[in-house]
C-alpha atoms as a PDB file:
ATOM      1  CA  MET A   1     -11.818 -20.828 -29.340  1.00  0.00           C
ATOM      2  CA  GLY A   2     -12.211 -22.362 -32.780  1.00  0.00           C
ATOM      3  CA  LYS A   3     -10.655 -25.498 -34.175  1.00  0.00           C
ATOM      4  CA  ALA A   4      -7.098 -25.948 -32.886  1.00  0.00           C
ATOM      5  CA  VAL A   5      -4.189 -25.813 -35.301  1.00  0.00           C
ATOM      6  CA  THR A   6      -2.749 -29.184 -36.301  1.00  0.00           C
ATOM      7  CA  VAL A   7       0.237 -30.087 -34.099  1.00  0.00           C
ATOM      8  CA  PHE A   8       3.568 -30.676 -35.850  1.00  0.00           C
ATOM      9  CA  LYS A   9       3.594 -34.466 -35.473  1.00  0.00           C
ATOM     10  CA  ASP A  10       0.156 -34.668 -37.146  1.00  0.00           C
ATOM     11  CA  ILE A  11       1.173 -32.796 -40.303  1.00  0.00           C
ATOM     12  CA  GLY A  12       0.613 -35.341 -43.075  1.00  0.00           C
ATOM     13  CA  LYS A  13      -1.115 -37.729 -40.664  1.00  0.00           C
ATOM     14  CA  VAL A  14      -3.994 -38.723 -42.981  1.00  0.00           C
ATOM     15  CA  ALA A  15      -1.620 -40.123 -45.604  1.00  0.00           C
ATOM     16  CA  LYS A  16       0.571 -41.717 -42.946  1.00  0.00           C
ATOM     17  CA  ASP A  17      -2.419 -43.466 -41.349  1.00  0.00           C
ATOM     18  CA  LEU A  18      -3.687 -44.668 -44.720  1.00  0.00           C
ATOM     19  CA  LEU A  19      -0.312 -46.237 -45.542  1.00  0.00           C
ATOM     20  CA  GLY A  20       0.636 -47.365 -42.035  1.00  0.00           C
ATOM     21  CA  LYS A  21      -2.369 -48.354 -39.929  1.00  0.00           C
ATOM     22  CA  ASP A  22      -3.947 -51.835 -39.980  1.00  0.00           C
ATOM     23  CA  TYR A  23      -0.782 -53.463 -41.366  1.00  0.00           C
ATOM     24  CA  ASP A  24       0.416 -55.238 -38.210  1.00  0.00           C
ATOM     25  CA  VAL A  25       2.202 -58.280 -39.633  1.00  0.00           C
ATOM     26  CA  GLY A  26       4.460 -60.896 -38.088  1.00  0.00           C
ATOM     27  CA  LYS A  27       2.392 -61.145 -34.933  1.00  0.00           C
ATOM     28  CA  THR A  28      -0.958 -62.094 -33.447  1.00  0.00           C
ATOM     29  CA  LYS A  29      -2.474 -59.623 -31.006  1.00  0.00           C
ATOM     30  CA  VAL A  30      -5.584 -59.622 -28.833  1.00  0.00           C
ATOM     31  CA  GLU A  31      -6.623 -56.369 -27.161  1.00  0.00           C
ATOM     32  CA  VAL A  32      -9.483 -55.942 -24.680  1.00  0.00           C
ATOM     33  CA  LYS A  33     -10.847 -52.640 -23.402  1.00  0.00           C
ATOM     34  CA  THR A  34     -13.138 -52.525 -20.405  1.00  0.00           C
ATOM     35  CA  LYS A  35     -14.264 -50.046 -17.762  1.00  0.00           C
ATOM     36  CA  THR A  36     -15.268 -50.727 -14.166  1.00  0.00           C
ATOM     37  CA  SER A  37     -18.163 -49.109 -12.336  1.00  0.00           C
ATOM     38  CA  ASN A  38     -15.825 -46.758 -10.453  1.00  0.00           C
ATOM     39  CA  GLY A  39     -14.331 -45.404 -13.702  1.00  0.00           C
ATOM     40  CA  ILE A  40     -11.072 -47.356 -14.028  1.00  0.00           C
ATOM     41  CA  GLU A  41     -10.320 -48.319 -17.635  1.00  0.00           C
ATOM     42  CA  PHE A  42      -8.342 -51.514 -18.224  1.00  0.00           C
ATOM     43  CA  LYS A  43      -6.670 -52.576 -21.475  1.00  0.00           C
ATOM     44  CA  PRO A  44      -4.877 -55.945 -21.417  1.00  0.00           C
ATOM     45  CA  VAL A  45      -2.954 -56.762 -24.612  1.00  0.00           C
ATOM     46  CA  ALA A  46      -1.553 -60.205 -25.451  1.00  0.00           C
ATOM     47  CA  THR A  47       0.918 -60.463 -28.344  1.00  0.00           C
ATOM     48  CA  LYS A  48       2.662 -63.440 -29.923  1.00  0.00           C
ATOM     49  CA  THR A  49       5.573 -62.664 -32.249  1.00  0.00           C
ATOM     50  CA  GLY A  50       6.878 -65.871 -33.785  1.00  0.00           C
ATOM     51  CA  ASP A  51       7.137 -68.275 -30.852  1.00  0.00           C
ATOM     52  CA  THR A  52       7.545 -65.513 -28.273  1.00  0.00           C
ATOM     53  CA  PRO A  53       4.472 -64.435 -26.263  1.00  0.00           C
ATOM     54  CA  SER A  54       4.296 -61.123 -24.405  1.00  0.00           C
ATOM     55  CA  GLY A  55       1.674 -58.974 -22.790  1.00  0.00           C
ATOM     56  CA  THR A  56       0.882 -55.622 -21.227  1.00  0.00           C
ATOM     57  CA  LEU A  57      -1.808 -54.341 -18.905  1.00  0.00           C
ATOM     58  CA  GLU A  58      -2.821 -50.683 -18.976  1.00  0.00           C
ATOM     59  CA  ALA A  59      -4.943 -49.075 -16.260  1.00  0.00           C
ATOM     60  CA  LYS A  60      -6.317 -45.548 -16.696  1.00  0.00           C
ATOM     61  CA  TYR A  61      -8.223 -43.499 -14.130  1.00  0.00           C
ATOM     62  CA  LYS A  62      -9.549 -39.932 -14.161  1.00  0.00           C
ATOM     63  CA  PHE A  63      -8.973 -38.555 -10.662  1.00  0.00           C
ATOM     64  CA  MET A  64     -10.608 -35.237 -11.558  1.00  0.00           C
ATOM     65  CA  PRO A  65     -12.211 -33.874 -14.732  1.00  0.00           C
ATOM     66  CA  TRP A  66      -8.837 -32.338 -15.610  1.00  0.00           C
ATOM     67  CA  LEU A  67      -6.451 -34.926 -14.100  1.00  0.00           C
ATOM     68  CA  GLU A  68      -5.860 -38.416 -15.535  1.00  0.00           C
ATOM     69  CA  GLY A  69      -3.348 -41.108 -14.632  1.00  0.00           C
ATOM     70  CA  THR A  70      -2.169 -44.130 -16.611  1.00  0.00           C
ATOM     71  CA  CYS A  71      -0.084 -47.113 -15.510  1.00  0.00           C
ATOM     72  CA  THR A  72       1.199 -49.797 -17.915  1.00  0.00           C
ATOM     73  CA  ILE A  73       3.025 -52.967 -16.867  1.00  0.00           C
ATOM     74  CA  GLY A  74       4.434 -55.656 -19.150  1.00  0.00           C
ATOM     75  CA  THR A  75       5.568 -59.243 -18.907  1.00  0.00           C
ATOM     76  CA  SER A  76       9.090 -58.077 -19.832  1.00  0.00           C
ATOM     77  CA  GLY A  77       9.260 -56.146 -16.564  1.00  0.00           C
ATOM     78  CA  ALA A  78       8.436 -52.810 -18.177  1.00  0.00           C
ATOM     79  CA  LEU A  79       6.566 -50.237 -16.096  1.00  0.00           C
ATOM     80  CA  ASP A  80       5.329 -46.892 -17.439  1.00  0.00           C
ATOM     81  CA  LEU A  81       3.558 -44.194 -15.412  1.00  0.00           C
ATOM     82  CA  ASN A  82       1.805 -41.142 -16.842  1.00  0.00           C
ATOM     83  CA  ILE A  83      -0.015 -38.207 -15.207  1.00  0.00           C
ATOM     84  CA  GLU A  84      -1.818 -35.716 -17.459  1.00  0.00           C
ATOM     85  CA  ALA A  85      -3.438 -32.425 -16.447  1.00  0.00           C
ATOM     86  CA  ALA A  86      -5.577 -30.838 -19.167  1.00  0.00           C
ATOM     87  CA  ASP A  87      -6.843 -27.228 -19.060  1.00  0.00           C
ATOM     88  CA  ALA A  88      -5.818 -26.949 -15.392  1.00  0.00           C
ATOM     89  CA  ILE A  89      -3.939 -23.639 -15.708  1.00  0.00           C
ATOM     90  CA  THR A  90      -5.530 -22.288 -18.894  1.00  0.00           C
ATOM     91  CA  LYS A  91      -7.718 -23.676 -21.654  1.00  0.00           C
ATOM     92  CA  GLY A  92      -5.735 -25.513 -24.306  1.00  0.00           C
ATOM     93  CA  LEU A  93      -2.703 -26.263 -22.109  1.00  0.00           C
ATOM     94  CA  VAL A  94      -1.913 -29.911 -21.290  1.00  0.00           C
ATOM     95  CA  LEU A  95       0.834 -30.753 -18.792  1.00  0.00           C
ATOM     96  CA  THR A  96       2.166 -34.312 -18.661  1.00  0.00           C
ATOM     97  CA  ALA A  97       4.663 -36.101 -16.427  1.00  0.00           C
ATOM     98  CA  GLU A  98       5.742 -39.581 -17.500  1.00  0.00           C
ATOM     99  CA  CYS A  99       8.428 -42.058 -16.535  1.00  0.00           C
ATOM    100  CA  SER A 100       9.574 -45.543 -17.512  1.00  0.00           C
ATOM    101  CA  LYS A 101      11.257 -48.153 -15.317  1.00  0.00           C
ATOM    102  CA  GLU A 102      14.670 -49.359 -16.440  1.00  0.00           C
ATOM    103  CA  LYS A 103      14.771 -52.836 -18.002  1.00  0.00           C
ATOM    104  CA  PRO A 104      15.595 -55.722 -15.653  1.00  0.00           C
ATOM    105  CA  GLY A 105      19.336 -56.297 -15.300  1.00  0.00           C
ATOM    106  CA  LYS A 106      20.302 -52.707 -16.067  1.00  0.00           C
ATOM    107  CA  PRO A 107      21.541 -50.276 -13.407  1.00  0.00           C
ATOM    108  CA  GLY A 108      19.352 -47.452 -12.202  1.00  0.00           C
ATOM    109  CA  LEU A 109      15.696 -47.172 -11.331  1.00  0.00           C
ATOM    110  CA  LEU A 110      14.323 -45.230 -14.307  1.00  0.00           C
ATOM    111  CA  ALA A 111      15.125 -45.343 -18.012  1.00  0.00           C
ATOM    112  CA  SER A 112      13.385 -42.035 -18.739  1.00  0.00           C
ATOM    113  CA  ALA A 113      11.499 -39.259 -16.970  1.00  0.00           C
ATOM    114  CA  ASN A 114       9.703 -36.737 -19.150  1.00  0.00           C
ATOM    115  CA  LEU A 115       8.023 -33.420 -18.448  1.00  0.00           C
ATOM    116  CA  ILE A 116       5.821 -32.292 -21.343  1.00  0.00           C
ATOM    117  CA  ALA A 117       3.873 -29.095 -21.967  1.00  0.00           C
ATOM    118  CA  GLU A 118       1.573 -28.787 -24.991  1.00  0.00           C
ATOM    119  CA  TYR A 119      -0.618 -25.854 -25.947  1.00  0.00           C
ATOM    120  CA  LYS A 120      -3.206 -25.745 -28.720  1.00  0.00           C
ATOM    121  CA  SER A 121      -5.238 -22.797 -29.999  1.00  0.00           C
ATOM    122  CA  ASP A 122      -6.888 -21.705 -33.228  1.00  0.00           C
ATOM    123  CA  VAL A 123      -3.816 -19.539 -33.987  1.00  0.00           C
ATOM    124  CA  PHE A 124      -0.880 -21.852 -33.232  1.00  0.00           C
ATOM    125  CA  SER A 125       0.114 -24.980 -31.353  1.00  0.00           C
ATOM    126  CA  CYS A 126       3.372 -25.742 -29.583  1.00  0.00           C
ATOM    127  CA  LYS A 127       4.925 -28.556 -27.587  1.00  0.00           C
ATOM    128  CA  THR A 128       8.055 -28.899 -25.487  1.00  0.00           C
ATOM    129  CA  SER A 129       9.437 -31.739 -23.393  1.00  0.00           C
ATOM    130  CA  TYR A 130      12.551 -32.544 -21.373  1.00  0.00           C
ATOM    131  CA  ASP A 131      13.836 -36.008 -20.498  1.00  0.00           C
ATOM    132  CA  TYR A 132      15.964 -35.769 -17.341  1.00  0.00           C
ATOM    133  CA  TYR A 133      17.789 -39.088 -17.819  1.00  0.00           C
ATOM    134  CA  LYS A 134      18.517 -38.696 -21.535  1.00  0.00           C
ATOM    135  CA  SER A 135      19.083 -34.909 -21.312  1.00  0.00           C
ATOM    136  CA  ASP A 136      16.902 -34.470 -24.416  1.00  0.00           C
ATOM    137  CA  LEU A 137      15.030 -31.207 -24.906  1.00  0.00           C
ATOM    138  CA  LEU A 138      12.408 -31.330 -27.663  1.00  0.00           C
ATOM    139  CA  ALA A 139      10.375 -28.410 -28.995  1.00  0.00           C
ATOM    140  CA  SER A 140       7.952 -27.928 -31.871  1.00  0.00           C
ATOM    141  CA  ILE A 141       5.564 -25.253 -33.091  1.00  0.00           C
ATOM    142  CA  SER A 142       3.029 -25.042 -35.888  1.00  0.00           C
ATOM    143  CA  THR A 143       0.665 -22.419 -37.249  1.00  0.00           C
ATOM    144  CA  ALA A 144      -1.882 -22.112 -40.044  1.00  0.00           C
ATOM    145  CA  VAL A 145      -2.547 -19.457 -42.674  1.00  0.00           C
ATOM    146  CA  LYS A 146      -5.825 -20.195 -44.420  1.00  0.00           C
ATOM    147  CA  ASP A 147      -5.396 -23.681 -45.973  1.00  0.00           C
ATOM    148  CA  ILE A 148      -1.658 -24.018 -45.277  1.00  0.00           C
ATOM    149  CA  THR A 149      -0.269 -25.420 -42.025  1.00  0.00           C
ATOM    150  CA  CYS A 150       3.478 -25.245 -41.398  1.00  0.00           C
ATOM    151  CA  GLY A 151       5.743 -25.989 -38.487  1.00  0.00           C
ATOM    152  CA  ILE A 152       9.239 -26.740 -37.207  1.00  0.00           C
ATOM    153  CA  ASP A 153      10.597 -29.292 -34.755  1.00  0.00           C
ATOM    154  CA  CYS A 154      13.995 -29.731 -33.107  1.00  0.00           C
ATOM    155  CA  SER A 155      15.747 -31.891 -30.527  1.00  0.00           C
ATOM    156  CA  TYR A 156      18.660 -30.686 -28.376  1.00  0.00           C
ATOM    157  CA  ASN A 157      20.842 -32.945 -26.222  1.00  0.00           C
ATOM    158  CA  ALA A 158      22.144 -31.040 -23.208  1.00  0.00           C
ATOM    159  CA  SER A 159      24.893 -33.536 -22.348  1.00  0.00           C
ATOM    160  CA  LYS A 160      26.337 -33.311 -25.892  1.00  0.00           C
ATOM    161  CA  ALA A 161      25.502 -29.594 -26.233  1.00  0.00           C
ATOM    162  CA  ALA A 162      24.292 -30.261 -29.775  1.00  0.00           C
ATOM    163  CA  ILE A 163      21.123 -30.300 -31.848  1.00  0.00           C
ATOM    164  CA  THR A 164      20.539 -33.971 -32.687  1.00  0.00           C
ATOM    165  CA  LYS A 165      17.511 -33.596 -34.942  1.00  0.00           C
ATOM    166  CA  TYR A 166      15.488 -30.872 -36.640  1.00  0.00           C
ATOM    167  CA  ALA A 167      12.690 -30.780 -39.179  1.00  0.00           C
ATOM    168  CA  ALA A 168      10.362 -28.426 -41.037  1.00  0.00           C
ATOM    169  CA  ALA A 169       7.065 -29.387 -42.655  1.00  0.00           C
ATOM    170  CA  ALA A 170       4.043 -27.851 -44.365  1.00  0.00           C
ATOM    171  CA  GLN A 171       0.742 -29.185 -45.654  1.00  0.00           C
ATOM    172  CA  PHE A 172      -1.985 -27.839 -47.918  1.00  0.00           C
ATOM    173  CA  VAL A 173      -5.471 -28.960 -46.903  1.00  0.00           C
ATOM    174  CA  GLN A 174      -8.564 -29.064 -49.089  1.00  0.00           C
ATOM    175  CA  PRO A 175     -11.890 -30.858 -48.506  1.00  0.00           C
ATOM    176  CA  ASP A 176     -10.934 -33.785 -50.756  1.00  0.00           C
ATOM    177  CA  PHE A 177      -7.112 -33.851 -50.636  1.00  0.00           C
ATOM    178  CA  VAL A 178      -4.089 -33.070 -48.457  1.00  0.00           C
ATOM    179  CA  ALA A 179      -0.553 -32.466 -49.783  1.00  0.00           C
ATOM    180  CA  MET A 180       2.470 -32.428 -47.441  1.00  0.00           C
ATOM    181  CA  GLY A 181       6.192 -31.675 -47.778  1.00  0.00           C
ATOM    182  CA  LYS A 182       8.883 -32.201 -45.126  1.00  0.00           C
ATOM    183  CA  TYR A 183      12.629 -31.907 -44.598  1.00  0.00           C
ATOM    184  CA  GLU A 184      14.229 -33.755 -41.675  1.00  0.00           C
ATOM    185  CA  ASP A 185      17.854 -33.911 -40.545  1.00  0.00           C
ATOM    186  CA  LYS A 186      18.855 -36.553 -38.005  1.00  0.00           C
ATOM    187  CA  GLY A 187      22.468 -37.033 -37.040  1.00  0.00           C
ATOM    188  CA  GLY A 188      23.637 -34.997 -40.023  1.00  0.00           C
ATOM    189  CA  LYS A 189      21.653 -37.113 -42.499  1.00  0.00           C
ATOM    190  CA  GLY A 190      18.922 -35.186 -44.302  1.00  0.00           C
ATOM    191  CA  THR A 191      15.761 -36.591 -45.854  1.00  0.00           C
ATOM    192  CA  LEU A 192      13.234 -34.911 -48.131  1.00  0.00           C
ATOM    193  CA  SER A 193       9.742 -36.383 -48.140  1.00  0.00           C
ATOM    194  CA  CYS A 194       6.268 -35.585 -49.387  1.00  0.00           C
ATOM    195  CA  SER A 195       2.865 -37.256 -49.321  1.00  0.00           C
ATOM    196  CA  TYR A 196      -0.482 -36.876 -50.996  1.00  0.00           C
ATOM    197  CA  TYR A 197      -3.874 -38.039 -49.714  1.00  0.00           C
ATOM    198  CA  HIS A 198      -6.988 -37.989 -51.871  1.00  0.00           C
ATOM    199  CA  LYS A 199     -10.543 -38.722 -50.766  1.00  0.00           C
ATOM    200  CA  VAL A 200     -12.032 -40.044 -53.998  1.00  0.00           C
ATOM    201  CA  SER A 201     -15.440 -40.671 -52.425  1.00  0.00           C
ATOM    202  CA  GLY A 202     -16.994 -41.528 -49.101  1.00  0.00           C
ATOM    203  CA  ASP A 203     -15.903 -45.135 -49.637  1.00  0.00           C
ATOM    204  CA  MET A 204     -12.503 -44.830 -51.328  1.00  0.00           C
ATOM    205  CA  GLN A 205      -9.242 -43.110 -50.405  1.00  0.00           C
ATOM    206  CA  LEU A 206      -5.839 -42.992 -52.100  1.00  0.00           C
ATOM    207  CA  GLY A 207      -2.427 -42.074 -50.732  1.00  0.00           C
ATOM    208  CA  VAL A 208       1.191 -41.867 -51.876  1.00  0.00           C
ATOM    209  CA  ALA A 209       4.394 -41.071 -49.978  1.00  0.00           C
ATOM    210  CA  VAL A 210       7.872 -40.358 -51.352  1.00  0.00           C
ATOM    211  CA  ALA A 211      11.093 -40.112 -49.313  1.00  0.00           C
ATOM    212  CA  LYS A 212      14.556 -39.197 -50.647  1.00  0.00           C
ATOM    213  CA  PRO A 213      17.567 -39.592 -48.314  1.00  0.00           C
ATOM    214  CA  LEU A 214      19.992 -36.928 -49.544  1.00  0.00           C
ATOM    215  CA  ALA A 215      23.017 -39.119 -48.828  1.00  0.00           C
ATOM    216  CA  LYS A 216      21.712 -42.011 -50.945  1.00  0.00           C
ATOM    217  CA  PRO A 217      20.764 -42.286 -54.630  1.00  0.00           C
ATOM    218  CA  ASP A 218      17.669 -44.362 -53.891  1.00  0.00           C
ATOM    219  CA  MET A 219      14.172 -42.975 -53.486  1.00  0.00           C
ATOM    220  CA  ASN A 220      11.518 -44.720 -51.408  1.00  0.00           C
ATOM    221  CA  ILE A 221       7.979 -44.676 -52.812  1.00  0.00           C
ATOM    222  CA  GLU A 222       4.843 -46.074 -51.221  1.00  0.00           C
ATOM    223  CA  PHE A 223       1.362 -46.129 -52.753  1.00  0.00           C
ATOM    224  CA  GLY A 224      -1.864 -47.403 -51.244  1.00  0.00           C
ATOM    225  CA  CYS A 225      -5.629 -47.252 -51.231  1.00  0.00           C
ATOM    226  CA  ALA A 226      -8.478 -47.999 -48.839  1.00  0.00           C
ATOM    227  CA  TYR A 227     -11.997 -49.026 -49.725  1.00  0.00           C
ATOM    228  CA  LYS A 228     -15.018 -49.292 -47.464  1.00  0.00           C
ATOM    229  CA  LEU A 229     -17.110 -52.297 -48.482  1.00  0.00           C
ATOM    230  CA  ASP A 230     -19.886 -51.425 -46.029  1.00  0.00           C
ATOM    231  CA  LYS A 231     -20.271 -49.686 -42.676  1.00  0.00           C
ATOM    232  CA  ASP A 232     -18.588 -52.594 -40.862  1.00  0.00           C
ATOM    233  CA  THR A 233     -15.962 -53.734 -43.378  1.00  0.00           C
ATOM    234  CA  GLY A 234     -12.927 -52.098 -44.938  1.00  0.00           C
ATOM    235  CA  VAL A 235      -9.998 -53.294 -47.053  1.00  0.00           C
ATOM    236  CA  LYS A 236      -6.576 -51.748 -47.678  1.00  0.00           C
ATOM    237  CA  ALA A 237      -3.707 -52.443 -50.047  1.00  0.00           C
ATOM    238  CA  LYS A 238      -0.299 -50.847 -50.586  1.00  0.00           C
ATOM    239  CA  VAL A 239       2.933 -51.438 -52.475  1.00  0.00           C
ATOM    240  CA  ASP A 240       6.376 -49.863 -52.101  1.00  0.00           C
ATOM    241  CA  SER A 241       9.518 -49.429 -54.185  1.00  0.00           C
ATOM    242  CA  GLU A 242      11.221 -52.360 -52.417  1.00  0.00           C
ATOM    243  CA  GLY A 243       8.640 -54.738 -53.856  1.00  0.00           C
ATOM    244  CA  PHE A 244       6.630 -55.395 -50.708  1.00  0.00           C
ATOM    245  CA  LEU A 245       2.884 -55.775 -51.216  1.00  0.00           C
ATOM    246  CA  GLY A 246       0.685 -55.264 -48.165  1.00  0.00           C
ATOM    247  CA  CYS A 247      -3.025 -55.778 -47.653  1.00  0.00           C
ATOM    248  CA  SER A 248      -5.457 -55.781 -44.752  1.00  0.00           C
ATOM    249  CA  TYR A 249      -9.055 -56.710 -44.083  1.00  0.00           C
ATOM    250  CA  LYS A 250     -10.871 -55.072 -41.166  1.00  0.00           C
ATOM    251  CA  GLN A 251     -14.241 -56.416 -40.076  1.00  0.00           C
ATOM    252  CA  LYS A 252     -16.504 -55.379 -37.226  1.00  0.00           C
ATOM    253  CA  ILE A 253     -17.697 -58.832 -36.178  1.00  0.00           C
ATOM    254  CA  SER A 254     -20.091 -57.596 -33.497  1.00  0.00           C
ATOM    255  CA  PRO A 255     -20.818 -54.365 -31.606  1.00  0.00           C
ATOM    256  CA  LEU A 256     -18.010 -55.388 -29.222  1.00  0.00           C
ATOM    257  CA  THR A 257     -15.422 -57.018 -31.480  1.00  0.00           C
ATOM    258  CA  THR A 258     -13.300 -55.867 -34.429  1.00  0.00           C
ATOM    259  CA  MET A 259     -10.904 -58.173 -36.295  1.00  0.00           C
ATOM    260  CA  THR A 260      -8.055 -57.100 -38.583  1.00  0.00           C
ATOM    261  CA  LEU A 261      -6.193 -59.521 -40.859  1.00  0.00           C
ATOM    262  CA  ALA A 262      -2.983 -58.307 -42.514  1.00  0.00           C
ATOM    263  CA  ALA A 263      -0.387 -59.740 -44.889  1.00  0.00           C
ATOM    264  CA  GLN A 264       2.908 -58.625 -46.409  1.00  0.00           C
ATOM    265  CA  VAL A 265       4.275 -60.357 -49.509  1.00  0.00           C
ATOM    266  CA  ASP A 266       7.799 -59.931 -50.888  1.00  0.00           C
ATOM    267  CA  THR A 267       7.019 -59.859 -54.614  1.00  0.00           C
ATOM    268  CA  VAL A 268      10.726 -59.666 -55.540  1.00  0.00           C
ATOM    269  CA  ASN A 269      11.579 -62.942 -53.787  1.00  0.00           C
ATOM    270  CA  LEU A 270       8.381 -64.965 -53.917  1.00  0.00           C
ATOM    271  CA  ALA A 271      10.238 -68.237 -53.325  1.00  0.00           C
ATOM    272  CA  ASP A 272      11.882 -66.968 -50.124  1.00  0.00           C
ATOM    273  CA  ASN A 273      10.145 -67.275 -46.793  1.00  0.00           C
ATOM    274  CA  LYS A 274       9.924 -63.524 -46.160  1.00  0.00           C
ATOM    275  CA  HIS A 275       6.145 -63.230 -46.282  1.00  0.00           C
ATOM    276  CA  LYS A 276       4.442 -62.125 -43.082  1.00  0.00           C
ATOM    277  CA  PHE A 277       0.893 -62.368 -41.742  1.00  0.00           C
ATOM    278  CA  GLY A 278      -0.854 -60.859 -38.757  1.00  0.00           C
ATOM    279  CA  LEU A 279      -4.065 -60.934 -36.768  1.00  0.00           C
ATOM    280  CA  VAL A 280      -5.378 -58.264 -34.401  1.00  0.00           C
ATOM    281  CA  LEU A 281      -8.526 -58.739 -32.358  1.00  0.00           C
ATOM    282  CA  ASN A 282      -9.977 -55.726 -30.510  1.00  0.00           C
ATOM    283  CA  ILE A 283     -12.668 -56.404 -27.900  1.00  0.00           C
ATOM    284  CA  THR A 284     -14.493 -53.553 -26.168  1.00  0.00           C
ATOM    285  CA  PRO A 285     -17.183 -54.803 -23.727  1.00  0.00           C
END
């Protein structure tokens, strides 16, 4: 089997990551990843948003080469369980069962319970899932013809007997650029969007994204770039049509620690206190 076809949710991912990742503002976060001698991976995350602290602890264990389980608990009382079986029935097929505990104070034991099946090959990829508690059935499929990848995605609510969301997307991939176009309809409101990613050099990347809600006259535009100062340091900057300027600085402090500083400035209302800053510290012993 050759390289698997890009799944639907990853169509346009390079531009989305360029314009979205490393811009965590309004909070301070510390994340630690560690692994015990018996193979259990732990990831505690502490977050402070304003004056409110919170935290989660994720534990991951591979019971068999093809079977992996994940448990995540949070200070808010959240509990998520996930069991994933990869290539158990046939190569390329991943089966996942996941559930989330209902928030404290709400009736019922579980908030969601998902069954997910995803298959990837060098011809096409598809994914389907069903949430028992929300009665949501989701399905997507994508395929590639030479340099063009296209796909469709839809969501059906069994209790309402109606399609709640659908989308179609396509991207054109070349060694130094990726162009993507997408139409999405959610709740009867359609949106046209497109993005362009350009790898100028090994150190510099550019990206732009445009979204046009069909029910509104406004168009949302976002433009950004990333530059690699050296093998351990990278900077990013972006600006959007609403006048928000974002920037980030990512530095590998040591072989175990990476720090990301981010800021968002409201250039339209500089005198107002709408500016946000963030710090993320990743530690991997």
